[in-house]
Amino acid sequence: MANDDLRLQTGLNAWRHQTNHNRMVDMQGASEAPAAAADAYVKLAHFSSSAFRITTPSGLTIMIDPWRNLPTGKWDWYFHDFPATAVDIGISTHAHFDHDALHLLDASVLLDRLIGTYEFGDVKITGIADKHAIDASNAIYDMHLINSSFGGQNLDPPNNARSWDNCMIMVETGGLRILHWGDNRHNPPEEIWQRIGAVDILLLPVDDSQHVMGFSMSDEIIARLAPKIVVPHHYYIWNIVQRQSTLLPADRWLATQPNVRHLETGETTYTPASLPTSTTVDHFGAHVAFDVNAWHAANGLTLRE
């Protein structure tokens, strides 16, 4: 590839978009976030893997952790890269390919590995810096061996390579506190727990391969935070995630949980008044908030009915 062509393929590509941020210009006229009401609807949409879109009561959209395949081409996890999606704000928790495809979003604001606080309209977003999970003692394969085979970066904190940092993302809107755990370790220092504070909805990586953390580790986090809702993510979906990812569904873990609701679509709605009184797992299963058949067709693949 010629040097000029290589430069065109490097870095973010917002300069190619024909869209603009006029919508955000209009929304910034509201200098203060409105007071939360009991009927302030917050929408949560699942986009497979660890990707979620949150829609605030005012209609502001936030996408966390869009995914792509490993850029080296050595280990594809998905049939194709993340579908091109328009949102107001895009966020990545850490610099791993299954969480960092911000360039595939048509977004007005990008928050890559946010540390600190960003406020706009009726949302407050806080990034809490910690470290990626590396304890693979419960996993069905040796993560450290795979890491050494595919690059050999240092995983061990505090001198880990940057891709083994992680920033948990707290989204506050509509009277709800929603925490995206990313791939954080299960046992951060006490100071990190204090920074997290109260959590209403916890987006937690769980799959039966125990890829990010073991079941007991996930349960420790839930017991510590006592959220009203837990939403598992980072698991296998047959027509989006490839088997060579080594991920599995979350069925075995779900069977251990006392309160589980199996959602029937890729999007659900929460209000402070609608939250259950005890911790409940809301499982999207294979339901996602984009047209999977159209995504395959756009990439030259047609699935049989």
Protein backbone atom coordinates (compact mmCIF):
# COMPACT_ATOMS: atom_id res chain seq x y z
CA MET A 1 0.00 0.00 0.00
CA ALA A 2 1.37 3.42 -0.92
CA ASN A 3 2.20 5.77 1.94
CA ASP A 4 -0.64 8.14 0.98
CA ASP A 5 -3.15 5.28 1.02
CA LEU A 6 -1.81 4.07 4.37
CA ARG A 7 -2.30 7.51 5.90
CA LEU A 8 -5.92 7.54 4.75
CA GLN A 9 -6.56 4.26 6.62
CA THR A 10 -4.90 5.43 9.86
CA GLY A 11 -6.63 7.14 12.78
CA LEU A 12 -10.20 8.26 13.29
CA ASN A 13 -12.34 8.87 10.24
CA ALA A 14 -14.87 11.52 11.33
CA TRP A 15 -13.53 13.77 8.58
CA ARG A 16 -15.21 11.45 6.08
CA HIS A 17 -18.70 11.86 7.53
CA GLN A 18 -21.34 14.09 5.96
CA THR A 19 -23.13 14.45 9.31
CA ASN A 20 -22.57 17.20 11.91
CA HIS A 21 -23.12 18.07 15.58
CA ASN A 22 -26.02 20.49 15.13
CA ARG A 23 -28.11 18.32 17.44
CA MET A 24 -25.55 18.80 20.21
CA VAL A 25 -25.44 22.55 19.57
CA ASP A 26 -29.17 22.67 20.24
CA MET A 27 -28.94 20.46 23.32
CA GLN A 28 -26.15 22.45 24.93
CA GLY A 29 -28.61 25.31 25.34
CA ALA A 30 -29.94 23.47 28.40
CA SER A 31 -27.20 24.48 30.81
CA GLU A 32 -28.34 22.22 33.64
CA ALA A 33 -29.57 18.65 33.66
CA PRO A 34 -33.29 18.40 34.51
CA ALA A 35 -34.27 17.03 37.89
CA ALA A 36 -34.87 13.28 37.82
CA ALA A 37 -38.50 12.20 37.88
CA ALA A 38 -39.92 8.82 38.83
CA ASP A 39 -41.20 8.38 35.27
CA ALA A 40 -37.96 9.51 33.56
CA TYR A 41 -37.43 6.68 31.10
CA VAL A 42 -33.88 5.46 30.44
CA LYS A 43 -33.43 2.98 27.58
CA LEU A 44 -30.76 0.28 27.53
CA ALA A 45 -30.04 -1.44 24.22
CA HIS A 46 -27.76 -4.45 23.72
CA PHE A 47 -25.43 -4.58 20.69
CA SER A 48 -23.71 -7.91 21.50
CA SER A 49 -20.35 -8.44 23.17
CA SER A 50 -19.92 -5.59 25.70
CA ALA A 51 -21.62 -2.91 23.59
CA PHE A 52 -24.60 -1.07 25.02
CA ARG A 53 -26.47 2.04 23.96
CA ILE A 54 -27.98 4.13 26.74
CA THR A 55 -30.65 6.68 25.82
CA THR A 56 -31.32 9.39 28.41
CA PRO A 57 -34.78 10.85 29.11
CA SER A 58 -33.95 13.83 26.86
CA GLY A 59 -33.00 11.47 24.01
CA LEU A 60 -29.20 11.77 24.27
CA THR A 61 -27.58 8.51 23.07
CA ILE A 62 -24.40 6.96 24.48
CA MET A 63 -22.67 3.87 23.06
CA ILE A 64 -20.19 2.04 25.28
CA ASP A 65 -17.62 -0.47 23.95
CA PRO A 66 -18.33 -1.01 20.25
CA TRP A 67 -16.29 -3.95 18.97
CA ARG A 68 -14.25 -5.02 15.94
CA ASN A 69 -12.04 -7.91 14.93
CA LEU A 70 -8.39 -8.05 15.96
CA PRO A 71 -6.61 -5.67 13.54
CA THR A 72 -3.76 -8.12 12.95
CA GLY A 73 -6.19 -10.55 11.31
CA LYS A 74 -4.79 -13.41 13.41
CA TRP A 75 -7.86 -14.14 15.52
CA ASP A 76 -11.33 -13.04 14.34
CA TRP A 77 -14.00 -13.04 17.04
CA TYR A 78 -16.89 -11.67 14.99
CA PHE A 79 -18.31 -12.44 11.57
CA HIS A 80 -17.77 -8.75 10.69
CA ASP A 81 -16.86 -5.51 12.42
CA PHE A 82 -19.40 -3.50 14.41
CA PRO A 83 -22.27 -2.11 12.32
CA ALA A 84 -21.87 1.61 11.53
CA THR A 85 -24.03 3.35 14.12
CA ALA A 86 -24.92 6.98 14.82
CA VAL A 87 -24.92 8.11 18.46
CA ASP A 88 -24.26 11.35 20.31
CA ILE A 89 -21.46 10.05 22.57
CA GLY A 90 -19.14 7.06 22.14
CA ILE A 91 -17.11 5.54 24.99
CA SER A 92 -14.46 2.83 25.24
CA THR A 93 -13.51 1.23 28.57
CA HIS A 94 -10.13 -0.08 27.41
CA ALA A 95 -7.86 -0.63 24.43
CA HIS A 96 -8.82 -4.16 23.40
CA PHE A 97 -10.32 -4.83 19.98
CA ASP A 98 -13.59 -6.14 21.40
CA HIS A 99 -14.18 -2.82 23.19
CA ASP A 100 -12.45 -0.01 21.28
CA ALA A 101 -14.07 0.43 17.83
CA LEU A 102 -14.92 4.09 18.35
CA HIS A 103 -14.00 4.79 14.72
CA LEU A 104 -17.07 2.78 13.63
CA LEU A 105 -19.42 5.20 15.38
CA ASP A 106 -20.80 8.36 13.78
CA ALA A 107 -20.56 10.27 17.06
CA SER A 108 -20.30 13.92 18.04
CA VAL A 109 -18.21 13.15 21.15
CA LEU A 110 -15.72 10.33 21.74
CA LEU A 111 -14.51 9.48 25.24
CA ASP A 112 -11.70 6.95 24.93
CA ARG A 113 -10.73 5.40 28.27
CA LEU A 114 -12.30 8.28 30.19
CA ILE A 115 -10.78 9.10 33.58
CA GLY A 116 -12.69 11.82 35.40
CA THR A 117 -16.07 13.35 34.64
CA TYR A 118 -17.89 14.56 31.53
CA GLU A 119 -21.27 16.27 31.82
CA PHE A 120 -23.67 17.28 29.08
CA GLY A 121 -27.43 17.79 28.99
CA ASP A 122 -29.10 15.31 31.30
CA VAL A 123 -26.14 12.95 31.71
CA LYS A 124 -23.06 12.76 33.91
CA ILE A 125 -20.40 10.24 32.87
CA THR A 126 -17.53 9.31 35.18
CA GLY A 127 -14.55 7.14 34.27
CA ILE A 128 -12.90 5.27 37.15
CA ALA A 129 -9.38 4.12 36.34
CA ASP A 130 -8.32 0.65 37.47
CA LYS A 131 -6.93 -2.52 35.88
CA HIS A 132 -8.13 -5.27 33.55
CA ALA A 133 -8.93 -8.70 34.98
CA ILE A 134 -6.04 -11.16 34.58
CA ASP A 135 -6.93 -13.95 37.04
CA ALA A 136 -7.78 -16.81 34.67
CA SER A 137 -7.80 -19.52 37.34
CA ASN A 138 -11.44 -20.35 36.56
CA ALA A 139 -11.21 -20.07 32.77
CA ILE A 140 -11.41 -23.05 30.43
CA TYR A 141 -8.12 -22.05 28.79
CA ASP A 142 -4.82 -20.45 29.76
CA MET A 143 -5.22 -16.73 28.99
CA HIS A 144 -1.58 -16.01 29.78
CA LEU A 145 -0.44 -18.61 27.27
CA ILE A 146 -2.69 -17.13 24.59
CA ASN A 147 -1.45 -13.64 25.39
CA SER A 148 2.17 -14.69 25.03
CA SER A 149 1.34 -16.36 21.71
CA PHE A 150 -0.41 -13.28 20.31
CA GLY A 151 1.97 -10.49 21.27
CA GLY A 152 3.38 -11.16 24.70
CA GLN A 153 2.44 -7.88 26.41
CA ASN A 154 2.94 -7.54 30.14
CA LEU A 155 -0.44 -8.15 31.84
CA ASP A 156 0.57 -7.72 35.47
CA PRO A 157 -0.20 -4.45 37.27
CA PRO A 158 1.09 -1.93 38.04
CA ASN A 159 3.55 -2.11 35.12
CA ASN A 160 1.14 -3.68 32.64
CA ALA A 161 0.90 -2.60 29.01
CA ARG A 162 -1.73 0.08 28.40
CA SER A 163 -4.26 -2.34 26.87
CA TRP A 164 -4.44 -4.03 30.28
CA ASP A 165 -5.65 -0.85 31.94
CA ASN A 166 -9.43 -0.53 32.31
CA CYS A 167 -11.77 2.36 33.04
CA MET A 168 -15.13 1.52 34.54
CA ILE A 169 -17.83 3.88 33.26
CA MET A 170 -20.57 5.27 35.49
CA VAL A 171 -23.50 6.85 33.62
CA GLU A 172 -25.89 8.93 35.73
CA THR A 173 -29.15 9.96 34.10
CA GLY A 174 -32.87 9.89 34.82
CA GLY A 175 -32.25 9.24 38.51
CA LEU A 176 -30.30 6.04 37.75
CA ARG A 177 -26.64 5.13 38.24
CA ILE A 178 -25.54 2.65 35.56
CA LEU A 179 -22.06 1.10 35.86
CA HIS A 180 -20.34 -0.53 32.88
CA TRP A 181 -17.69 -2.75 34.45
CA GLY A 182 -15.72 -3.16 31.21
CA ASP A 183 -13.27 -6.01 31.83
CA ASN A 184 -12.12 -4.75 35.21
CA ARG A 185 -10.59 -7.03 37.82
CA HIS A 186 -12.97 -8.31 40.48
CA ASN A 187 -10.87 -7.15 43.42
CA PRO A 188 -9.90 -3.49 42.95
CA PRO A 189 -8.48 -1.59 45.94
CA GLU A 190 -10.91 -0.24 48.53
CA GLU A 191 -10.42 3.29 47.22
CA ILE A 192 -11.91 2.19 43.87
CA TRP A 193 -14.98 0.68 45.54
CA GLN A 194 -15.51 3.96 47.35
CA ARG A 195 -15.31 5.87 44.07
CA ILE A 196 -17.94 3.61 42.54
CA GLY A 197 -20.48 4.19 45.29
CA ALA A 198 -24.10 3.18 44.81
CA VAL A 199 -25.09 1.30 41.65
CA ASP A 200 -28.62 0.76 40.34
CA ILE A 201 -27.80 -1.13 37.13
CA LEU A 202 -24.57 -3.14 36.73
CA LEU A 203 -23.36 -4.21 33.28
CA LEU A 204 -21.08 -7.14 34.12
CA PRO A 205 -18.99 -9.47 31.89
CA VAL A 206 -20.18 -13.05 32.40
CA ASP A 207 -19.91 -16.14 30.18
CA ASP A 208 -19.66 -19.85 30.84
CA SER A 209 -16.04 -20.01 29.64
CA GLN A 210 -15.31 -17.59 32.53
CA HIS A 211 -13.20 -15.62 30.08
CA VAL A 212 -12.96 -12.36 32.03
CA MET A 213 -13.56 -13.70 35.53
CA GLY A 214 -14.87 -16.74 37.35
CA PHE A 215 -18.47 -17.09 38.52
CA SER A 216 -17.48 -16.63 42.17
CA MET A 217 -15.69 -13.38 41.24
CA SER A 218 -18.78 -12.05 39.46
CA ASP A 219 -20.91 -12.98 42.44
CA GLU A 220 -18.50 -11.18 44.81
CA ILE A 221 -18.93 -7.98 42.79
CA ILE A 222 -22.71 -8.30 42.84
CA ALA A 223 -22.72 -8.94 46.59
CA ARG A 224 -20.47 -5.92 47.21
CA LEU A 225 -22.43 -3.45 45.03
CA ALA A 226 -25.95 -4.85 45.60
CA PRO A 227 -27.38 -3.39 42.37
CA LYS A 228 -31.07 -3.69 41.61
CA ILE A 229 -30.33 -4.92 38.06
CA VAL A 230 -27.41 -6.98 36.70
CA VAL A 231 -27.05 -7.26 32.92
CA PRO A 232 -24.52 -9.90 31.76
CA HIS A 233 -22.47 -9.24 28.63
CA HIS A 234 -19.31 -10.45 26.85
CA TYR A 235 -20.85 -13.83 25.98
CA TYR A 236 -21.28 -15.90 22.81
CA ILE A 237 -24.13 -15.21 20.36
CA TRP A 238 -24.20 -17.75 17.54
CA ASN A 239 -24.84 -15.42 14.57
CA ILE A 240 -22.58 -12.55 15.69
CA VAL A 241 -19.67 -14.05 17.62
CA GLN A 242 -17.53 -16.82 16.10
CA ARG A 243 -16.76 -20.02 17.99
CA GLN A 244 -13.03 -19.40 17.72
CA SER A 245 -13.50 -16.52 20.16
CA THR A 246 -13.65 -19.29 22.83
CA LEU A 247 -16.60 -17.46 24.43
CA LEU A 248 -19.70 -19.37 25.58
CA PRO A 249 -23.26 -18.35 26.47
CA ALA A 250 -23.99 -17.41 30.08
CA ASP A 251 -26.53 -20.20 30.72
CA ARG A 252 -24.69 -22.05 33.49
CA TRP A 253 -24.14 -18.85 35.45
CA LEU A 254 -27.74 -17.77 34.94
CA ALA A 255 -28.89 -21.07 36.44
CA THR A 256 -27.15 -20.11 39.70
CA GLN A 257 -28.94 -16.77 40.03
CA PRO A 258 -32.14 -16.57 42.10
CA ASN A 259 -33.92 -13.88 40.05
CA VAL A 260 -33.56 -13.89 36.26
CA ARG A 261 -35.68 -12.19 33.61
CA HIS A 262 -35.12 -13.32 30.02
CA LEU A 263 -35.77 -10.27 27.88
CA GLU A 264 -37.58 -10.71 24.59
CA THR A 265 -35.99 -7.87 22.58
CA GLY A 266 -32.65 -6.11 22.29
CA GLU A 267 -33.83 -3.02 24.18
CA THR A 268 -35.47 -2.42 27.53
CA THR A 269 -36.54 0.58 29.59
CA TYR A 270 -35.92 1.48 33.22
CA THR A 271 -37.18 4.11 35.62
CA PRO A 272 -36.23 4.56 39.27
CA ALA A 273 -39.75 3.52 40.26
CA SER A 274 -39.65 0.34 38.15
CA LEU A 275 -36.52 -1.17 39.68
CA PRO A 276 -37.04 -4.44 41.59
CA THR A 277 -36.60 -4.54 45.34
CA SER A 278 -33.93 -7.26 45.20
CA THR A 279 -31.12 -7.92 42.75
CA THR A 280 -32.48 -9.23 39.45
CA VAL A 281 -30.56 -10.39 36.37
CA ASP A 282 -31.90 -9.06 33.07
CA HIS A 283 -30.58 -11.28 30.28
CA PHE A 284 -30.79 -10.11 26.67
CA GLY A 285 -29.72 -13.54 25.39
CA ALA A 286 -29.27 -13.44 21.61
CA HIS A 287 -31.45 -10.35 21.22
CA VAL A 288 -29.62 -7.27 19.94
CA ALA A 289 -30.72 -3.79 18.90
CA PHE A 290 -29.49 -3.93 15.31
CA ASP A 291 -30.62 -5.85 12.24
CA VAL A 292 -28.28 -8.86 12.20
CA ASN A 293 -29.44 -10.10 8.78
CA ALA A 294 -28.88 -6.68 7.22
CA TRP A 295 -25.45 -6.53 8.89
CA HIS A 296 -24.50 -9.85 7.32
CA ALA A 297 -25.92 -8.86 3.93
CA ALA A 298 -23.95 -5.61 3.95
CA ASN A 299 -20.82 -7.71 4.40
CA GLY A 300 -21.67 -10.20 1.66
CA LEU A 301 -23.09 -13.01 3.80
CA THR A 302 -26.63 -14.40 3.73
CA LEU A 303 -27.75 -16.69 6.54
CA ARG A 304 -30.24 -19.47 5.80
CA GLU A 305 -33.56 -19.25 7.60
